[in-house]
Amino acid sequence: MKNIAFFLICFLLIVSCSKFSSPQDIDTNNILMIFDNIKIAFAENDLEGIMQYYSNAFLHNGNNFDDEKTLWEIRLINFTSIEFSDISIDFTGNNSAIAHFEMTLKYYEEEFSWEEPSSENGDISYFQIEDGKWLLVGNQQER
């Protein structure tokens, strides 16, 4: 009887935990961690720490990886902090996802916020799995 109770408890534990770790939940958490890590890298003025989450094949509205790196250099020079809020992830198939969120760049007391993806920006909204990890790839459009 003790063995049955033990196995029943183990089974219930496994079943109850599995609902919290579905593949989509894991993917969502991995993408959310990217936003957290970009925020930390931004605070540390760590350009390479930000760019490690970008695919070398990044393309967004005609801008490639090097263009995106330049954009982040400009952001790091012109702003003191970055925030991402109200993040939701839409998985679009083919190991890709689009993040929707509000991005706020701050320069001391001034704040500039907008919803992403937007037609002006959106460069940090499009993800794809490459070599087993989520990376920012842009919208893959020339313009």
C-alpha atoms as a PDB file:
ATOM      1  CA  MET A   1       0.000   0.000   0.000  1.00  0.00           C
ATOM      2  CA  LYS A   2       2.857   2.386   0.807  1.00  0.00           C
ATOM      3  CA  ASN A   3       4.359   1.721  -2.629  1.00  0.00           C
ATOM      4  CA  ILE A   4       1.088   2.555  -4.356  1.00  0.00           C
ATOM      5  CA  ALA A   5       0.738   5.768  -2.355  1.00  0.00           C
ATOM      6  CA  PHE A   6       4.350   6.710  -3.121  1.00  0.00           C
ATOM      7  CA  PHE A   7       3.906   6.118  -6.861  1.00  0.00           C
ATOM      8  CA  LEU A   8       0.593   7.963  -6.854  1.00  0.00           C
ATOM      9  CA  ILE A   9       2.201  10.976  -5.189  1.00  0.00           C
ATOM     10  CA  CYS A  10       5.109  10.882  -7.666  1.00  0.00           C
ATOM     11  CA  PHE A  11       2.702  10.594 -10.582  1.00  0.00           C
ATOM     12  CA  LEU A  12       0.598  13.522  -9.371  1.00  0.00           C
ATOM     13  CA  LEU A  13       3.719  15.600  -8.814  1.00  0.00           C
ATOM     14  CA  ILE A  14       4.987  14.895 -12.323  1.00  0.00           C
ATOM     15  CA  VAL A  15       1.608  15.607 -13.912  1.00  0.00           C
ATOM     16  CA  SER A  16       1.104  18.830 -11.968  1.00  0.00           C
ATOM     17  CA  CYS A  17       4.606  20.095 -12.800  1.00  0.00           C
ATOM     18  CA  SER A  18       4.341  19.284 -16.474  1.00  0.00           C
ATOM     19  CA  LYS A  19       1.587  21.827 -17.021  1.00  0.00           C
ATOM     20  CA  PHE A  20       3.986  24.556 -15.946  1.00  0.00           C
ATOM     21  CA  SER A  21       6.769  23.484 -18.252  1.00  0.00           C
ATOM     22  CA  SER A  22       5.141  22.962 -21.613  1.00  0.00           C
ATOM     23  CA  PRO A  23       7.418  23.618 -24.583  1.00  0.00           C
ATOM     24  CA  GLN A  24       5.625  26.911 -25.248  1.00  0.00           C
ATOM     25  CA  ASP A  25       6.031  27.974 -21.606  1.00  0.00           C
ATOM     26  CA  ILE A  26       9.736  27.193 -21.807  1.00  0.00           C
ATOM     27  CA  ASP A  27      10.058  29.143 -25.068  1.00  0.00           C
ATOM     28  CA  THR A  28       8.153  32.080 -23.587  1.00  0.00           C
ATOM     29  CA  ASN A  29      10.447  32.126 -20.571  1.00  0.00           C
ATOM     30  CA  ASN A  30      13.533  31.950 -22.788  1.00  0.00           C
ATOM     31  CA  ILE A  31      12.357  34.955 -24.806  1.00  0.00           C
ATOM     32  CA  LEU A  32      11.446  36.882 -21.645  1.00  0.00           C
ATOM     33  CA  MET A  33      14.944  36.178 -20.320  1.00  0.00           C
ATOM     34  CA  ILE A  34      16.369  37.753 -23.470  1.00  0.00           C
ATOM     35  CA  PHE A  35      14.509  40.979 -22.691  1.00  0.00           C
ATOM     36  CA  ASP A  36      15.751  40.852 -19.078  1.00  0.00           C
ATOM     37  CA  ASN A  37      19.318  40.256 -20.236  1.00  0.00           C
ATOM     38  CA  ILE A  38      19.164  43.063 -22.803  1.00  0.00           C
ATOM     39  CA  LYS A  39      17.962  45.396 -20.052  1.00  0.00           C
ATOM     40  CA  ILE A  40      20.870  44.329 -17.826  1.00  0.00           C
ATOM     41  CA  ALA A  41      23.397  44.668 -20.660  1.00  0.00           C
ATOM     42  CA  PHE A  42      21.995  48.115 -21.456  1.00  0.00           C
ATOM     43  CA  ALA A  43      22.438  49.201 -17.824  1.00  0.00           C
ATOM     44  CA  GLU A  44      26.036  47.964 -17.982  1.00  0.00           C
ATOM     45  CA  ASN A  45      26.634  49.713 -21.334  1.00  0.00           C
ATOM     46  CA  ASP A  46      27.500  46.279 -22.757  1.00  0.00           C
ATOM     47  CA  LEU A  47      26.921  46.389 -26.509  1.00  0.00           C
ATOM     48  CA  GLU A  48      28.212  42.851 -27.087  1.00  0.00           C
ATOM     49  CA  GLY A  49      25.962  41.632 -24.280  1.00  0.00           C
ATOM     50  CA  ILE A  50      23.007  42.978 -26.248  1.00  0.00           C
ATOM     51  CA  MET A  51      24.162  41.775 -29.649  1.00  0.00           C
ATOM     52  CA  GLN A  52      24.667  38.186 -28.497  1.00  0.00           C
ATOM     53  CA  TYR A  53      20.890  37.792 -28.820  1.00  0.00           C
ATOM     54  CA  TYR A  54      20.936  38.715 -32.513  1.00  0.00           C
ATOM     55  CA  SER A  55      21.247  36.413 -35.477  1.00  0.00           C
ATOM     56  CA  ASN A  56      24.028  37.203 -37.928  1.00  0.00           C
ATOM     57  CA  ALA A  57      21.258  36.925 -40.554  1.00  0.00           C
ATOM     58  CA  PHE A  58      19.297  39.753 -38.883  1.00  0.00           C
ATOM     59  CA  LEU A  59      17.331  41.843 -41.385  1.00  0.00           C
ATOM     60  CA  HIS A  60      14.708  44.392 -40.434  1.00  0.00           C
ATOM     61  CA  ASN A  61      13.298  46.916 -42.900  1.00  0.00           C
ATOM     62  CA  GLY A  62      16.536  46.786 -44.864  1.00  0.00           C
ATOM     63  CA  ASN A  63      18.818  47.023 -41.829  1.00  0.00           C
ATOM     64  CA  ASN A  64      21.268  44.184 -41.244  1.00  0.00           C
ATOM     65  CA  PHE A  65      23.177  43.030 -38.160  1.00  0.00           C
ATOM     66  CA  ASP A  66      25.783  45.796 -38.425  1.00  0.00           C
ATOM     67  CA  ASP A  67      23.084  48.451 -38.832  1.00  0.00           C
ATOM     68  CA  GLU A  68      21.334  47.103 -35.744  1.00  0.00           C
ATOM     69  CA  LYS A  69      24.587  47.199 -33.801  1.00  0.00           C
ATOM     70  CA  THR A  70      24.974  50.865 -34.759  1.00  0.00           C
ATOM     71  CA  LEU A  71      21.399  51.548 -33.617  1.00  0.00           C
ATOM     72  CA  TRP A  72      22.204  50.026 -30.212  1.00  0.00           C
ATOM     73  CA  GLU A  73      25.392  52.111 -29.986  1.00  0.00           C
ATOM     74  CA  ILE A  74      23.260  55.211 -30.537  1.00  0.00           C
ATOM     75  CA  ARG A  75      20.726  54.063 -27.937  1.00  0.00           C
ATOM     76  CA  LEU A  76      23.494  53.441 -25.406  1.00  0.00           C
ATOM     77  CA  ILE A  77      24.928  56.921 -26.013  1.00  0.00           C
ATOM     78  CA  ASN A  78      21.603  58.780 -25.948  1.00  0.00           C
ATOM     79  CA  PHE A  79      19.698  57.012 -23.172  1.00  0.00           C
ATOM     80  CA  THR A  80      20.344  56.042 -19.570  1.00  0.00           C
ATOM     81  CA  SER A  81      18.005  53.058 -19.263  1.00  0.00           C
ATOM     82  CA  ILE A  82      15.573  50.825 -21.101  1.00  0.00           C
ATOM     83  CA  GLU A  83      12.381  49.120 -19.945  1.00  0.00           C
ATOM     84  CA  PHE A  84      10.176  46.472 -21.523  1.00  0.00           C
ATOM     85  CA  SER A  85       6.644  46.062 -20.167  1.00  0.00           C
ATOM     86  CA  ASP A  86       3.403  44.245 -20.961  1.00  0.00           C
ATOM     87  CA  ILE A  87       5.273  41.614 -22.964  1.00  0.00           C
ATOM     88  CA  SER A  88       3.237  38.985 -24.784  1.00  0.00           C
ATOM     89  CA  ILE A  89       4.608  36.413 -27.191  1.00  0.00           C
ATOM     90  CA  ASP A  90       2.829  35.083 -30.286  1.00  0.00           C
ATOM     91  CA  PHE A  91       4.312  31.892 -31.668  1.00  0.00           C
ATOM     92  CA  THR A  92       3.920  32.004 -35.429  1.00  0.00           C
ATOM     93  CA  GLY A  93       5.159  28.548 -36.394  1.00  0.00           C
ATOM     94  CA  ASN A  94       8.403  27.437 -38.026  1.00  0.00           C
ATOM     95  CA  ASN A  95      10.246  28.060 -34.745  1.00  0.00           C
ATOM     96  CA  SER A  96       9.462  31.758 -34.855  1.00  0.00           C
ATOM     97  CA  ALA A  97       7.730  34.232 -32.581  1.00  0.00           C
ATOM     98  CA  ILE A  98       6.746  37.876 -32.394  1.00  0.00           C
ATOM     99  CA  ALA A  99       6.976  39.769 -29.117  1.00  0.00           C
ATOM    100  CA  HIS A 100       4.483  42.545 -28.430  1.00  0.00           C
ATOM    101  CA  PHE A 101       5.415  44.988 -25.683  1.00  0.00           C
ATOM    102  CA  GLU A 102       5.896  48.574 -24.650  1.00  0.00           C
ATOM    103  CA  MET A 103       9.474  49.802 -24.862  1.00  0.00           C
ATOM    104  CA  THR A 104      10.589  52.811 -22.862  1.00  0.00           C
ATOM    105  CA  LEU A 105      13.925  54.521 -23.304  1.00  0.00           C
ATOM    106  CA  LYS A 106      14.861  56.985 -20.584  1.00  0.00           C
ATOM    107  CA  TYR A 107      17.234  59.891 -20.492  1.00  0.00           C
ATOM    108  CA  TYR A 108      17.292  60.870 -16.830  1.00  0.00           C
ATOM    109  CA  GLU A 109      13.829  62.417 -16.300  1.00  0.00           C
ATOM    110  CA  GLU A 110      12.679  62.193 -19.927  1.00  0.00           C
ATOM    111  CA  GLU A 111      10.920  59.084 -21.209  1.00  0.00           C
ATOM    112  CA  PHE A 112      10.140  57.941 -24.719  1.00  0.00           C
ATOM    113  CA  SER A 113       7.702  55.017 -24.998  1.00  0.00           C
ATOM    114  CA  TRP A 114       6.036  53.169 -27.834  1.00  0.00           C
ATOM    115  CA  GLU A 115       4.337  49.887 -28.586  1.00  0.00           C
ATOM    116  CA  GLU A 116       6.291  47.223 -30.430  1.00  0.00           C
ATOM    117  CA  PRO A 117       6.370  46.008 -33.043  1.00  0.00           C
ATOM    118  CA  SER A 118       5.853  49.354 -34.720  1.00  0.00           C
ATOM    119  CA  SER A 119       6.385  50.494 -38.265  1.00  0.00           C
ATOM    120  CA  GLU A 120       9.223  52.783 -37.166  1.00  0.00           C
ATOM    121  CA  ASN A 121      11.033  50.268 -34.990  1.00  0.00           C
ATOM    122  CA  GLY A 122      10.115  46.673 -34.198  1.00  0.00           C
ATOM    123  CA  ASP A 123      13.717  45.597 -34.464  1.00  0.00           C
ATOM    124  CA  ILE A 124      13.542  43.662 -31.202  1.00  0.00           C
ATOM    125  CA  SER A 125      10.202  41.969 -31.803  1.00  0.00           C
ATOM    126  CA  TYR A 126      10.963  39.120 -34.206  1.00  0.00           C
ATOM    127  CA  PHE A 127      12.539  35.900 -32.944  1.00  0.00           C
ATOM    128  CA  GLN A 128      13.559  32.597 -34.467  1.00  0.00           C
ATOM    129  CA  ILE A 129      15.281  29.505 -33.143  1.00  0.00           C
ATOM    130  CA  GLU A 130      18.785  29.077 -34.535  1.00  0.00           C
ATOM    131  CA  ASP A 131      21.022  26.261 -33.336  1.00  0.00           C
ATOM    132  CA  GLY A 132      18.614  25.527 -30.497  1.00  0.00           C
ATOM    133  CA  LYS A 133      18.323  29.041 -29.073  1.00  0.00           C
ATOM    134  CA  TRP A 134      16.040  31.990 -29.630  1.00  0.00           C
ATOM    135  CA  LEU A 135      17.613  34.923 -31.466  1.00  0.00           C
ATOM    136  CA  LEU A 136      16.368  38.231 -32.806  1.00  0.00           C
ATOM    137  CA  VAL A 137      16.099  38.064 -36.587  1.00  0.00           C
ATOM    138  CA  GLY A 138      14.096  41.170 -37.552  1.00  0.00           C
ATOM    139  CA  ASN A 139      11.119  41.014 -39.891  1.00  0.00           C
ATOM    140  CA  GLN A 140      13.352  39.706 -42.731  1.00  0.00           C
ATOM    141  CA  GLN A 141      12.127  42.452 -45.071  1.00  0.00           C
ATOM    142  CA  GLU A 142      14.297  44.654 -47.250  1.00  0.00           C
ATOM    143  CA  ARG A 143      12.004  47.666 -46.685  1.00  0.00           C
END
